[in-house]
N, C-alpha and C. Protein backbone atom coordinates (compact mmCIF):
# COMPACT_ATOMS: atom_id res chain seq x y z
N MET A 1 -6.44 -44.47 9.40
CA MET A 1 -6.06 -42.99 9.15
C MET A 1 -5.55 -42.46 10.44
N ARG A 2 -4.49 -41.74 10.40
CA ARG A 2 -3.93 -41.09 11.64
C ARG A 2 -4.32 -39.59 11.56
N TYR A 3 -4.32 -38.93 12.74
CA TYR A 3 -4.77 -37.55 12.87
C TYR A 3 -3.57 -36.77 13.18
N ALA A 4 -3.43 -35.66 12.51
CA ALA A 4 -2.22 -34.68 12.67
C ALA A 4 -2.15 -34.08 14.07
N ARG A 5 -3.23 -33.80 14.75
CA ARG A 5 -3.18 -33.08 16.00
C ARG A 5 -2.62 -33.89 17.00
N LYS A 6 -1.75 -33.19 17.86
CA LYS A 6 -1.07 -33.96 18.99
C LYS A 6 -1.93 -34.57 19.86
N SER A 7 -3.10 -33.82 20.32
CA SER A 7 -3.92 -34.46 21.33
C SER A 7 -4.80 -35.60 20.93
N ILE A 8 -4.77 -35.94 19.58
CA ILE A 8 -5.66 -37.02 19.12
C ILE A 8 -4.71 -38.13 18.59
N GLY A 9 -4.84 -39.29 19.09
CA GLY A 9 -3.99 -40.40 18.68
C GLY A 9 -4.89 -41.50 18.23
N GLY A 10 -4.32 -42.45 17.55
CA GLY A 10 -5.11 -43.65 17.01
C GLY A 10 -5.89 -43.36 15.96
N SER A 11 -6.74 -44.25 15.53
CA SER A 11 -7.65 -44.17 14.40
C SER A 11 -9.10 -43.83 14.76
N ASN A 12 -9.41 -43.91 16.20
CA ASN A 12 -10.80 -43.60 16.61
C ASN A 12 -10.66 -42.48 17.71
N PRO A 13 -10.70 -41.29 17.36
CA PRO A 13 -10.66 -40.24 18.39
C PRO A 13 -11.95 -40.16 19.11
N PRO A 14 -12.01 -39.57 20.33
CA PRO A 14 -13.22 -39.44 21.08
C PRO A 14 -14.15 -38.44 20.30
N ALA A 15 -15.42 -38.48 20.64
CA ALA A 15 -16.42 -37.69 19.99
C ALA A 15 -16.19 -36.20 20.28
N SER A 16 -15.68 -35.99 21.46
CA SER A 16 -15.51 -34.49 21.91
C SER A 16 -14.56 -33.82 20.88
N VAL A 17 -13.69 -34.51 20.22
CA VAL A 17 -12.81 -33.85 19.25
C VAL A 17 -13.55 -33.10 18.15
N PHE A 18 -14.65 -33.63 17.71
CA PHE A 18 -15.35 -32.97 16.58
C PHE A 18 -16.18 -31.93 17.09
N THR A 19 -16.31 -31.63 18.34
CA THR A 19 -17.05 -30.43 18.83
C THR A 19 -16.30 -29.35 19.15
N MET A 20 -15.51 -28.77 18.15
CA MET A 20 -14.58 -27.70 18.31
C MET A 20 -15.28 -26.35 18.38
N ASN A 21 -14.92 -25.59 19.37
CA ASN A 21 -15.62 -24.29 19.57
C ASN A 21 -15.07 -23.37 18.43
N GLU A 22 -15.90 -22.77 17.71
CA GLU A 22 -15.48 -21.80 16.70
C GLU A 22 -16.48 -20.72 16.39
N ILE A 23 -16.03 -19.68 15.96
CA ILE A 23 -16.99 -18.63 15.49
C ILE A 23 -16.30 -17.81 14.37
N ASN A 24 -17.10 -17.44 13.46
CA ASN A 24 -16.70 -16.78 12.27
C ASN A 24 -17.42 -15.35 12.14
N TRP A 25 -16.84 -14.28 11.84
CA TRP A 25 -17.56 -13.03 11.60
C TRP A 25 -16.83 -12.26 10.58
N LYS A 26 -17.54 -11.27 9.97
CA LYS A 26 -16.97 -10.43 8.96
C LYS A 26 -17.19 -8.89 9.60
N ILE A 27 -16.26 -8.08 9.32
CA ILE A 27 -16.41 -6.68 9.73
C ILE A 27 -15.80 -5.80 8.72
N GLU A 28 -16.53 -4.79 8.37
CA GLU A 28 -15.87 -3.70 7.40
C GLU A 28 -14.88 -3.05 8.14
N GLU A 29 -13.77 -2.65 7.42
CA GLU A 29 -12.70 -2.14 7.99
C GLU A 29 -13.07 -0.99 8.98
N PRO A 30 -12.61 -1.16 10.14
CA PRO A 30 -13.08 -0.11 11.16
C PRO A 30 -12.50 1.18 10.88
N ASN A 31 -13.21 2.22 11.44
CA ASN A 31 -12.82 3.72 11.31
C ASN A 31 -12.63 4.13 9.93
N PHE A 32 -13.24 3.53 8.96
CA PHE A 32 -13.02 4.00 7.62
C PHE A 32 -14.15 5.12 7.36
N THR A 33 -13.67 6.30 7.02
CA THR A 33 -14.51 7.40 6.56
C THR A 33 -14.28 7.78 5.20
N PRO A 34 -15.24 7.71 4.26
CA PRO A 34 -14.98 8.12 2.87
C PRO A 34 -14.76 9.53 2.88
N LYS A 35 -13.73 9.77 1.89
CA LYS A 35 -13.26 11.41 1.88
C LYS A 35 -13.99 11.88 0.71
N THR A 36 -14.28 13.24 0.84
CA THR A 36 -15.07 13.99 -0.03
C THR A 36 -14.12 14.53 -1.14
N VAL A 37 -14.67 15.22 -2.22
CA VAL A 37 -13.87 15.86 -3.22
C VAL A 37 -13.03 17.05 -2.60
N GLU A 38 -13.71 17.74 -1.64
CA GLU A 38 -13.06 18.81 -0.93
C GLU A 38 -11.79 18.46 -0.22
N TRP A 39 -11.86 17.27 0.35
CA TRP A 39 -10.78 16.66 1.15
C TRP A 39 -9.60 16.49 0.19
N PHE A 40 -9.77 15.97 -0.94
CA PHE A 40 -8.73 15.68 -1.95
C PHE A 40 -8.23 17.12 -2.49
N TRP A 41 -9.09 18.02 -2.77
CA TRP A 41 -8.71 19.30 -3.07
C TRP A 41 -7.65 19.96 -1.98
N ALA A 42 -8.14 19.81 -0.75
CA ALA A 42 -7.24 20.43 0.33
C ALA A 42 -5.88 19.74 0.35
N LEU A 43 -5.90 18.47 0.19
CA LEU A 43 -4.69 17.65 0.15
C LEU A 43 -3.71 18.18 -1.00
N GLY A 44 -4.32 18.48 -2.18
CA GLY A 44 -3.51 18.84 -3.31
C GLY A 44 -3.01 20.30 -3.14
N ILE A 45 -3.81 21.17 -2.43
CA ILE A 45 -3.47 22.62 -2.25
C ILE A 45 -2.25 22.62 -1.17
N MET A 46 -2.46 21.75 -0.15
CA MET A 46 -1.30 21.68 0.84
C MET A 46 -0.13 21.14 0.22
N ALA A 47 -0.21 20.10 -0.62
CA ALA A 47 1.00 19.53 -1.26
C ALA A 47 1.67 20.66 -2.18
N PHE A 48 0.93 21.31 -2.90
CA PHE A 48 1.45 22.36 -3.77
C PHE A 48 2.15 23.46 -3.10
N ALA A 49 1.52 23.84 -1.90
CA ALA A 49 2.12 24.92 -1.08
C ALA A 49 3.36 24.47 -0.56
N LEU A 50 3.55 23.22 -0.10
CA LEU A 50 4.80 22.77 0.37
C LEU A 50 5.72 22.53 -0.70
N VAL A 51 5.45 22.21 -1.94
CA VAL A 51 6.33 22.07 -3.09
C VAL A 51 6.93 23.50 -3.50
N VAL A 52 6.01 24.42 -3.58
CA VAL A 52 6.46 25.89 -3.73
C VAL A 52 7.42 26.29 -2.63
N PHE A 53 7.12 26.08 -1.43
CA PHE A 53 7.92 26.41 -0.33
C PHE A 53 9.38 25.77 -0.51
N ALA A 54 9.34 24.51 -0.89
CA ALA A 54 10.56 23.72 -1.03
C ALA A 54 11.53 24.29 -2.23
N ILE A 55 10.71 24.66 -3.35
CA ILE A 55 11.44 25.29 -4.50
C ILE A 55 12.16 26.62 -4.10
N LEU A 56 11.36 27.46 -3.35
CA LEU A 56 11.95 28.68 -2.69
C LEU A 56 13.25 28.35 -1.92
N LEU A 57 13.19 27.36 -1.19
CA LEU A 57 14.34 27.02 -0.35
C LEU A 57 15.47 26.26 -1.14
N LYS A 58 15.12 25.83 -2.26
CA LYS A 58 15.98 25.05 -3.19
C LYS A 58 16.23 23.65 -2.59
N ASN A 59 15.31 23.11 -1.88
CA ASN A 59 15.29 21.82 -1.24
C ASN A 59 14.80 20.85 -2.12
N TYR A 60 15.39 20.21 -2.90
CA TYR A 60 14.77 19.23 -4.00
C TYR A 60 14.33 17.88 -3.38
N LEU A 61 15.12 17.53 -2.37
CA LEU A 61 14.80 16.21 -1.62
C LEU A 61 13.40 16.40 -0.96
N PHE A 62 13.18 17.53 -0.46
CA PHE A 62 11.92 17.86 0.28
C PHE A 62 10.68 17.80 -0.78
N ILE A 63 11.01 18.26 -2.06
CA ILE A 63 10.00 18.25 -3.03
C ILE A 63 9.58 16.75 -3.37
N VAL A 64 10.54 15.92 -3.41
CA VAL A 64 10.27 14.53 -3.69
C VAL A 64 9.50 13.79 -2.51
N ILE A 65 9.88 14.16 -1.25
CA ILE A 65 9.25 13.66 -0.13
C ILE A 65 7.87 14.09 -0.03
N VAL A 66 7.53 15.35 -0.39
CA VAL A 66 6.21 16.01 -0.33
C VAL A 66 5.26 15.26 -1.43
N ALA A 67 5.80 15.14 -2.54
CA ALA A 67 5.14 14.62 -3.69
C ALA A 67 4.77 13.10 -3.41
N LEU A 68 5.74 12.35 -2.99
CA LEU A 68 5.58 10.97 -2.61
C LEU A 68 4.45 10.83 -1.44
N THR A 69 4.56 11.59 -0.45
CA THR A 69 3.68 11.57 0.70
C THR A 69 2.34 11.87 0.30
N ALA A 70 2.18 12.91 -0.64
CA ALA A 70 0.79 13.16 -1.07
C ALA A 70 0.19 12.14 -1.97
N LEU A 71 1.06 11.49 -2.84
CA LEU A 71 0.52 10.30 -3.69
C LEU A 71 0.10 9.16 -2.72
N ILE A 72 0.86 8.86 -1.77
CA ILE A 72 0.55 7.70 -0.87
C ILE A 72 -0.74 8.04 -0.09
N ILE A 73 -0.86 9.19 0.43
CA ILE A 73 -2.05 9.67 1.10
C ILE A 73 -3.37 9.64 0.22
N TYR A 74 -3.12 10.05 -0.97
CA TYR A 74 -4.23 10.06 -1.97
C TYR A 74 -4.69 8.54 -2.30
N ASN A 75 -3.63 7.78 -2.59
CA ASN A 75 -3.98 6.37 -3.02
C ASN A 75 -4.60 5.55 -1.85
N ASN A 76 -4.17 5.76 -0.60
CA ASN A 76 -4.74 5.09 0.62
C ASN A 76 -6.07 5.57 0.86
N ASN A 77 -6.45 6.78 0.55
CA ASN A 77 -7.74 7.36 1.00
C ASN A 77 -8.83 7.24 -0.15
N ARG A 78 -8.52 6.81 -1.32
CA ARG A 78 -9.55 6.75 -2.37
C ARG A 78 -10.07 5.39 -2.64
N ARG A 79 -9.51 4.43 -1.85
CA ARG A 79 -9.96 2.99 -2.00
C ARG A 79 -11.21 2.75 -1.24
N GLU A 80 -11.81 1.57 -1.54
CA GLU A 80 -13.03 1.27 -0.86
C GLU A 80 -12.71 0.45 0.51
N PRO A 81 -13.52 0.60 1.46
CA PRO A 81 -13.20 -0.11 2.70
C PRO A 81 -13.24 -1.70 2.50
N GLU A 82 -12.30 -2.30 3.17
CA GLU A 82 -12.05 -3.71 3.09
C GLU A 82 -12.90 -4.39 4.07
N ILE A 83 -13.49 -5.63 3.56
CA ILE A 83 -14.17 -6.58 4.40
C ILE A 83 -13.13 -7.51 5.02
N ILE A 84 -13.09 -7.63 6.38
CA ILE A 84 -12.07 -8.40 6.99
C ILE A 84 -12.89 -9.56 7.58
N ASN A 85 -12.33 -10.84 7.31
CA ASN A 85 -12.74 -12.00 7.87
C ASN A 85 -12.07 -12.50 9.12
N PHE A 86 -12.83 -12.81 10.11
CA PHE A 86 -12.32 -13.26 11.49
C PHE A 86 -12.68 -14.66 11.70
N HIS A 87 -12.00 -15.42 12.22
CA HIS A 87 -12.17 -16.89 12.63
C HIS A 87 -11.45 -17.12 13.85
N LEU A 88 -12.31 -17.45 14.96
CA LEU A 88 -11.69 -17.80 16.25
C LEU A 88 -12.07 -19.28 16.63
N ASN A 89 -11.10 -20.01 16.96
CA ASN A 89 -11.44 -21.42 17.36
C ASN A 89 -10.38 -21.88 18.37
N ASP A 90 -10.41 -23.04 18.80
CA ASP A 90 -9.50 -23.62 19.81
C ASP A 90 -8.01 -23.53 19.37
N ASP A 91 -7.81 -23.47 18.10
CA ASP A 91 -6.30 -23.34 17.64
C ASP A 91 -5.81 -21.97 17.78
N GLY A 92 -6.71 -20.99 17.47
CA GLY A 92 -6.18 -19.58 17.58
C GLY A 92 -7.21 -18.62 16.77
N LEU A 93 -6.67 -17.47 16.53
CA LEU A 93 -7.42 -16.46 15.78
C LEU A 93 -6.87 -16.29 14.43
N TYR A 94 -7.65 -16.30 13.42
CA TYR A 94 -7.38 -15.95 12.04
C TYR A 94 -8.01 -14.37 11.79
N VAL A 95 -7.15 -13.60 11.28
CA VAL A 95 -7.48 -12.37 10.86
C VAL A 95 -7.08 -12.24 9.43
N GLY A 96 -8.16 -12.39 8.54
CA GLY A 96 -7.83 -12.50 7.14
C GLY A 96 -7.07 -13.83 6.94
N ASN A 97 -5.95 -13.73 6.39
CA ASN A 97 -5.00 -14.97 6.14
C ASN A 97 -3.99 -15.09 7.22
N LYS A 98 -3.95 -14.20 8.24
CA LYS A 98 -2.92 -14.22 9.17
C LYS A 98 -3.40 -14.99 10.45
N PHE A 99 -2.58 -15.85 10.93
CA PHE A 99 -3.00 -16.71 12.11
C PHE A 99 -2.20 -16.30 13.38
N TYR A 100 -3.06 -16.28 14.46
CA TYR A 100 -2.38 -16.00 15.66
C TYR A 100 -2.68 -17.16 16.72
N ALA A 101 -1.72 -17.85 17.14
CA ALA A 101 -1.93 -18.96 18.03
C ALA A 101 -2.22 -18.43 19.44
N HIS A 102 -3.02 -19.06 20.25
CA HIS A 102 -3.37 -18.71 21.52
C HIS A 102 -2.04 -18.56 22.51
N ASP A 103 -1.14 -19.33 22.23
CA ASP A 103 0.11 -19.37 23.11
C ASP A 103 1.05 -18.15 22.87
N THR A 104 0.57 -17.40 21.73
CA THR A 104 1.33 -16.06 21.45
C THR A 104 0.90 -15.02 22.43
N PHE A 105 -0.26 -15.18 23.06
CA PHE A 105 -0.87 -14.15 23.97
C PHE A 105 -0.82 -14.54 25.41
N GLU A 106 -0.83 -13.60 26.36
CA GLU A 106 -0.90 -13.93 27.74
C GLU A 106 -2.30 -13.69 28.36
N SER A 107 -3.04 -12.84 27.79
CA SER A 107 -4.33 -12.51 28.34
C SER A 107 -5.32 -11.89 27.37
N PHE A 108 -6.53 -11.80 27.68
CA PHE A 108 -7.47 -11.06 26.90
C PHE A 108 -8.34 -10.11 27.62
N TRP A 109 -9.09 -9.20 27.08
CA TRP A 109 -10.16 -8.41 27.70
C TRP A 109 -11.05 -7.96 26.71
N ILE A 110 -12.33 -8.09 27.01
CA ILE A 110 -13.42 -7.68 26.18
C ILE A 110 -13.94 -6.38 26.83
N PHE A 111 -13.94 -5.29 26.00
CA PHE A 111 -14.45 -4.10 26.53
C PHE A 111 -15.88 -4.09 26.88
N PRO A 112 -16.37 -3.29 27.76
CA PRO A 112 -17.73 -3.21 28.07
C PRO A 112 -18.69 -2.91 27.00
N ALA A 113 -19.91 -3.25 27.10
CA ALA A 113 -20.94 -3.10 25.99
C ALA A 113 -20.83 -1.55 25.33
N GLY A 114 -21.09 -1.64 24.04
CA GLY A 114 -20.99 -0.53 23.24
C GLY A 114 -19.63 -0.35 22.45
N LYS A 115 -18.52 -0.90 22.89
CA LYS A 115 -17.41 -0.74 22.15
C LYS A 115 -17.16 -1.87 21.17
N SER A 116 -17.63 -3.07 21.46
CA SER A 116 -17.65 -4.24 20.49
C SER A 116 -16.17 -4.49 20.05
N GLU A 117 -15.35 -4.47 21.02
CA GLU A 117 -13.87 -4.81 20.72
C GLU A 117 -13.38 -5.67 21.91
N PHE A 118 -12.40 -6.59 21.52
CA PHE A 118 -11.62 -7.30 22.50
C PHE A 118 -10.18 -7.06 22.19
N VAL A 119 -9.25 -7.12 23.15
CA VAL A 119 -7.91 -6.96 22.99
C VAL A 119 -7.14 -8.23 23.48
N LEU A 120 -6.11 -8.57 22.86
CA LEU A 120 -5.18 -9.62 23.22
C LEU A 120 -3.78 -9.06 23.59
N ARG A 121 -3.27 -9.43 24.68
CA ARG A 121 -2.09 -8.95 25.30
C ARG A 121 -0.97 -9.96 24.79
N TYR A 122 0.02 -9.56 23.97
CA TYR A 122 1.06 -10.41 23.57
C TYR A 122 1.93 -10.80 24.86
N LYS A 123 2.63 -11.93 24.83
CA LYS A 123 3.60 -12.29 25.83
C LYS A 123 4.83 -11.33 25.81
N LYS A 124 5.12 -10.93 24.61
CA LYS A 124 6.32 -9.89 24.49
C LYS A 124 5.84 -8.62 25.18
N HIS A 125 6.78 -8.17 26.06
CA HIS A 125 6.46 -6.99 26.80
C HIS A 125 6.25 -5.64 26.08
N PHE A 126 7.00 -5.48 25.06
CA PHE A 126 6.91 -4.25 24.26
C PHE A 126 6.09 -4.22 23.11
N ALA A 127 5.32 -5.27 22.87
CA ALA A 127 4.37 -5.44 21.77
C ALA A 127 3.05 -4.62 22.14
N PRO A 128 2.47 -4.00 21.17
CA PRO A 128 1.20 -3.33 21.40
C PRO A 128 0.07 -4.36 21.56
N LEU A 129 -1.05 -3.95 22.15
CA LEU A 129 -2.19 -4.82 22.22
C LEU A 129 -2.74 -4.95 20.83
N LEU A 130 -3.28 -6.36 20.58
CA LEU A 130 -3.94 -6.50 19.38
C LEU A 130 -5.55 -6.40 19.64
N THR A 131 -6.03 -5.32 18.87
CA THR A 131 -7.53 -4.92 19.01
C THR A 131 -8.30 -5.58 17.86
N ILE A 132 -9.32 -6.34 18.35
CA ILE A 132 -10.15 -7.03 17.29
C ILE A 132 -11.61 -6.56 17.51
N PRO A 133 -12.32 -6.02 16.42
CA PRO A 133 -13.68 -5.61 16.63
C PRO A 133 -14.60 -6.95 16.38
N PHE A 134 -15.85 -6.94 17.00
CA PHE A 134 -16.73 -8.04 16.77
C PHE A 134 -18.16 -7.49 16.81
N HIS A 135 -19.01 -8.40 16.57
CA HIS A 135 -20.45 -7.94 16.63
C HIS A 135 -20.95 -8.32 18.09
N ASP A 136 -21.88 -7.50 18.54
CA ASP A 136 -22.21 -7.59 19.92
C ASP A 136 -22.78 -9.04 20.32
N ARG A 137 -23.42 -9.51 19.38
CA ARG A 137 -24.10 -10.85 19.48
C ARG A 137 -23.14 -12.00 19.85
N ASP A 138 -21.91 -11.80 19.44
CA ASP A 138 -20.92 -12.78 19.46
C ASP A 138 -20.05 -12.81 20.68
N GLU A 139 -20.34 -11.84 21.62
CA GLU A 139 -19.49 -11.61 22.85
C GLU A 139 -19.46 -12.81 23.77
N SER A 140 -20.47 -13.54 24.03
CA SER A 140 -20.46 -14.75 24.84
C SER A 140 -19.60 -15.92 24.35
N ALA A 141 -19.70 -16.09 22.91
CA ALA A 141 -19.04 -17.20 22.34
C ALA A 141 -17.52 -16.82 22.27
N ILE A 142 -17.26 -15.63 22.02
CA ILE A 142 -15.84 -15.22 21.99
C ILE A 142 -15.23 -15.39 23.39
N ARG A 143 -15.98 -14.96 24.50
CA ARG A 143 -15.39 -14.99 25.89
C ARG A 143 -15.25 -16.52 26.16
N GLN A 144 -16.18 -17.33 25.66
CA GLN A 144 -16.04 -18.70 26.09
C GLN A 144 -14.83 -19.41 25.48
N ILE A 145 -14.58 -19.10 24.24
CA ILE A 145 -13.38 -19.70 23.48
C ILE A 145 -12.15 -19.24 24.03
N LEU A 146 -12.04 -17.87 24.30
CA LEU A 146 -10.78 -17.32 24.76
C LEU A 146 -10.52 -17.68 26.16
N SER A 147 -11.52 -17.87 27.02
CA SER A 147 -11.21 -18.12 28.40
C SER A 147 -10.81 -19.67 28.56
N ASN A 148 -10.93 -20.40 27.62
CA ASN A 148 -10.42 -21.74 27.70
C ASN A 148 -8.91 -21.76 27.44
N HIS A 149 -8.29 -20.69 26.96
CA HIS A 149 -6.89 -20.67 26.63
C HIS A 149 -6.14 -19.56 27.35
N LEU A 150 -6.77 -18.44 27.59
CA LEU A 150 -6.09 -17.29 28.19
C LEU A 150 -6.86 -16.81 29.38
N ARG A 151 -6.17 -16.13 30.21
CA ARG A 151 -6.85 -15.53 31.39
C ARG A 151 -7.39 -14.21 31.06
N GLU A 152 -8.43 -13.76 31.62
CA GLU A 152 -9.14 -12.40 31.28
C GLU A 152 -8.50 -11.38 32.32
N ASN A 153 -7.90 -10.41 31.73
CA ASN A 153 -7.25 -9.36 32.51
C ASN A 153 -7.71 -7.97 31.93
N GLU A 154 -8.23 -7.11 32.87
CA GLU A 154 -8.81 -5.84 32.41
C GLU A 154 -7.76 -4.99 31.88
N GLU A 155 -7.96 -4.25 30.73
CA GLU A 155 -7.09 -3.47 30.05
C GLU A 155 -7.78 -2.03 29.84
N GLN A 156 -6.97 -1.13 29.73
CA GLN A 156 -7.42 0.24 29.47
C GLN A 156 -7.19 0.60 28.08
N GLU A 157 -7.96 1.37 27.38
CA GLU A 157 -7.79 1.70 25.96
C GLU A 157 -6.64 2.74 26.07
N SER A 158 -5.63 2.64 25.19
CA SER A 158 -4.44 3.49 25.20
C SER A 158 -4.82 4.87 24.64
N PHE A 159 -4.02 5.81 24.93
CA PHE A 159 -4.25 7.17 24.61
C PHE A 159 -4.20 7.28 22.98
N ILE A 160 -3.17 6.53 22.52
CA ILE A 160 -3.06 6.50 21.05
C ILE A 160 -4.30 6.03 20.31
N ASP A 161 -4.86 4.83 20.83
CA ASP A 161 -6.04 4.32 20.31
C ASP A 161 -7.28 5.19 20.28
N VAL A 162 -7.35 5.94 21.50
CA VAL A 162 -8.38 7.11 21.63
C VAL A 162 -8.25 8.08 20.55
N LEU A 163 -6.98 8.59 20.38
CA LEU A 163 -6.75 9.59 19.23
C LEU A 163 -7.01 9.05 17.87
N ARG A 164 -6.52 7.79 17.65
CA ARG A 164 -6.76 7.15 16.34
C ARG A 164 -8.25 6.97 16.00
N LYS A 165 -9.04 6.69 16.91
CA LYS A 165 -10.50 6.47 16.65
C LYS A 165 -11.22 7.87 16.59
N ARG A 166 -10.73 8.81 17.26
CA ARG A 166 -11.26 10.18 17.25
C ARG A 166 -11.01 10.91 16.00
N PHE A 167 -9.73 10.90 15.50
CA PHE A 167 -9.29 11.76 14.42
C PHE A 167 -8.96 11.03 13.14
N PHE A 168 -8.83 9.81 13.08
CA PHE A 168 -8.24 9.10 11.89
C PHE A 168 -9.20 8.12 11.48
């Protein structure tokens, strides 16, 4: 029987091949805040006011845009929070069904205690940081796996991320 991995050859791989570092965790969708009935009423009132304003201006395209925007916001905010599965091993990171290979990134940073997030910096210069939440108890295992493939480089939380966590 042949092995598909490039680093393993022959029919008798070394025992170290079977001791793959890996960790699995599940996190409820971060920053999910359930919306109250009053929030939905406020959305409806604002959308209605904008539609009346668009009718007064006879701007029918604006009516369509407001109605579609209100429907999209309504549908996105009435759903239940999603449970996201994470899997980190020596091959890369799986976020749900999406795979990110280690060679896609140039470095990682685990934020200090209390934030329970780590970020991965893409090799592409204009790509945003990939921020991944985790449980505090998994920090040492995550650091061990990532440090085998990427260098650790301190990152600062962006202004956009601070605003997103605070208001959205």
